[in-house]
Amino acid sequence: MGAIGAGLAVLGAGLGIGLIGKGATESIARQPEAAGKVQTAMIIAAALIEGAALFGVVVGLLASTGS
């Protein structure tokens, strides 16, 4: 059961990072001069999502080995 939770955490992270990339690409296409700021914000947001996903994977795997 914990492996399902870990998989869902990774799936959610993948979707979230994909949406961030989509939004950043659209923003840069509209305002190319803001590309540096958009990329910086995108990388920070993606890192936060990855951290949350890693936490979800660890909790899911610990839950599956604990019972």
Protein backbone atom coordinates (compact mmCIF):
# COMPACT_ATOMS: atom_id res chain seq x y z
CA MET A 1 0.00 0.00 0.00
CA GLY A 2 2.88 2.35 0.73
CA ALA A 3 4.26 1.80 -2.77
CA ILE A 4 1.00 3.11 -4.22
CA GLY A 5 1.34 6.25 -2.10
CA ALA A 6 4.94 6.70 -3.23
CA GLY A 7 3.87 6.29 -6.85
CA LEU A 8 1.11 8.84 -6.45
CA ALA A 9 3.59 11.30 -4.94
CA VAL A 10 5.87 10.93 -7.95
CA LEU A 11 2.93 11.21 -10.35
CA GLY A 12 1.77 14.41 -8.68
CA ALA A 13 5.27 15.86 -8.78
CA GLY A 14 5.59 15.06 -12.47
CA LEU A 15 2.30 16.74 -13.27
CA GLY A 16 3.17 19.76 -11.14
CA ILE A 17 6.56 20.26 -12.73
CA GLY A 18 5.02 19.83 -16.16
CA LEU A 19 2.51 22.59 -15.43
CA ILE A 20 5.30 24.83 -14.16
CA GLY A 21 7.25 24.26 -17.37
CA LYS A 22 4.18 24.98 -19.46
CA GLY A 23 3.47 28.21 -17.62
CA ALA A 24 7.09 29.33 -17.79
CA THR A 25 7.29 28.64 -21.51
CA GLU A 26 4.12 30.63 -22.15
CA SER A 27 5.35 33.49 -19.98
CA ILE A 28 8.70 33.66 -21.75
CA ALA A 29 6.94 33.58 -25.12
CA ARG A 30 4.83 36.58 -24.11
CA GLN A 31 7.63 38.58 -22.49
CA PRO A 32 11.08 37.42 -23.59
CA GLU A 33 12.80 40.15 -21.58
CA ALA A 34 11.57 38.53 -18.34
CA ALA A 35 13.07 35.14 -19.18
CA GLY A 36 15.71 35.25 -16.43
CA LYS A 37 13.25 35.97 -13.65
CA VAL A 38 10.76 33.41 -14.94
CA GLN A 39 13.41 30.70 -15.15
CA THR A 40 14.63 31.43 -11.64
CA ALA A 41 11.11 31.25 -10.22
CA MET A 42 10.45 28.07 -12.20
CA ILE A 43 13.56 26.33 -10.85
CA ILE A 44 12.73 27.28 -7.27
CA ALA A 45 9.14 26.07 -7.60
CA ALA A 46 10.25 22.81 -9.23
CA ALA A 47 12.75 22.22 -6.43
CA LEU A 48 10.05 22.72 -3.80
CA ILE A 49 7.79 20.25 -5.58
CA GLU A 50 10.61 17.72 -5.82
CA GLY A 51 11.26 18.09 -2.09
CA ALA A 52 7.62 17.44 -1.28
CA ALA A 53 7.56 14.47 -3.65
CA LEU A 54 10.68 13.00 -2.08
CA PHE A 55 9.09 13.38 1.35
CA GLY A 56 5.97 11.57 0.05
CA VAL A 57 8.06 8.75 -1.39
CA VAL A 58 10.00 8.28 1.84
CA VAL A 59 6.82 8.29 3.95
CA GLY A 60 5.15 5.85 1.54
CA LEU A 61 8.08 3.46 1.58
CA LEU A 62 8.44 3.68 5.36
CA ALA A 63 4.73 2.96 5.71
CA SER A 64 5.03 -0.11 3.51
CA THR A 65 7.98 -1.54 5.48
CA GLY A 66 6.59 -0.62 8.88
CA SER A 67 3.56 -2.91 8.81
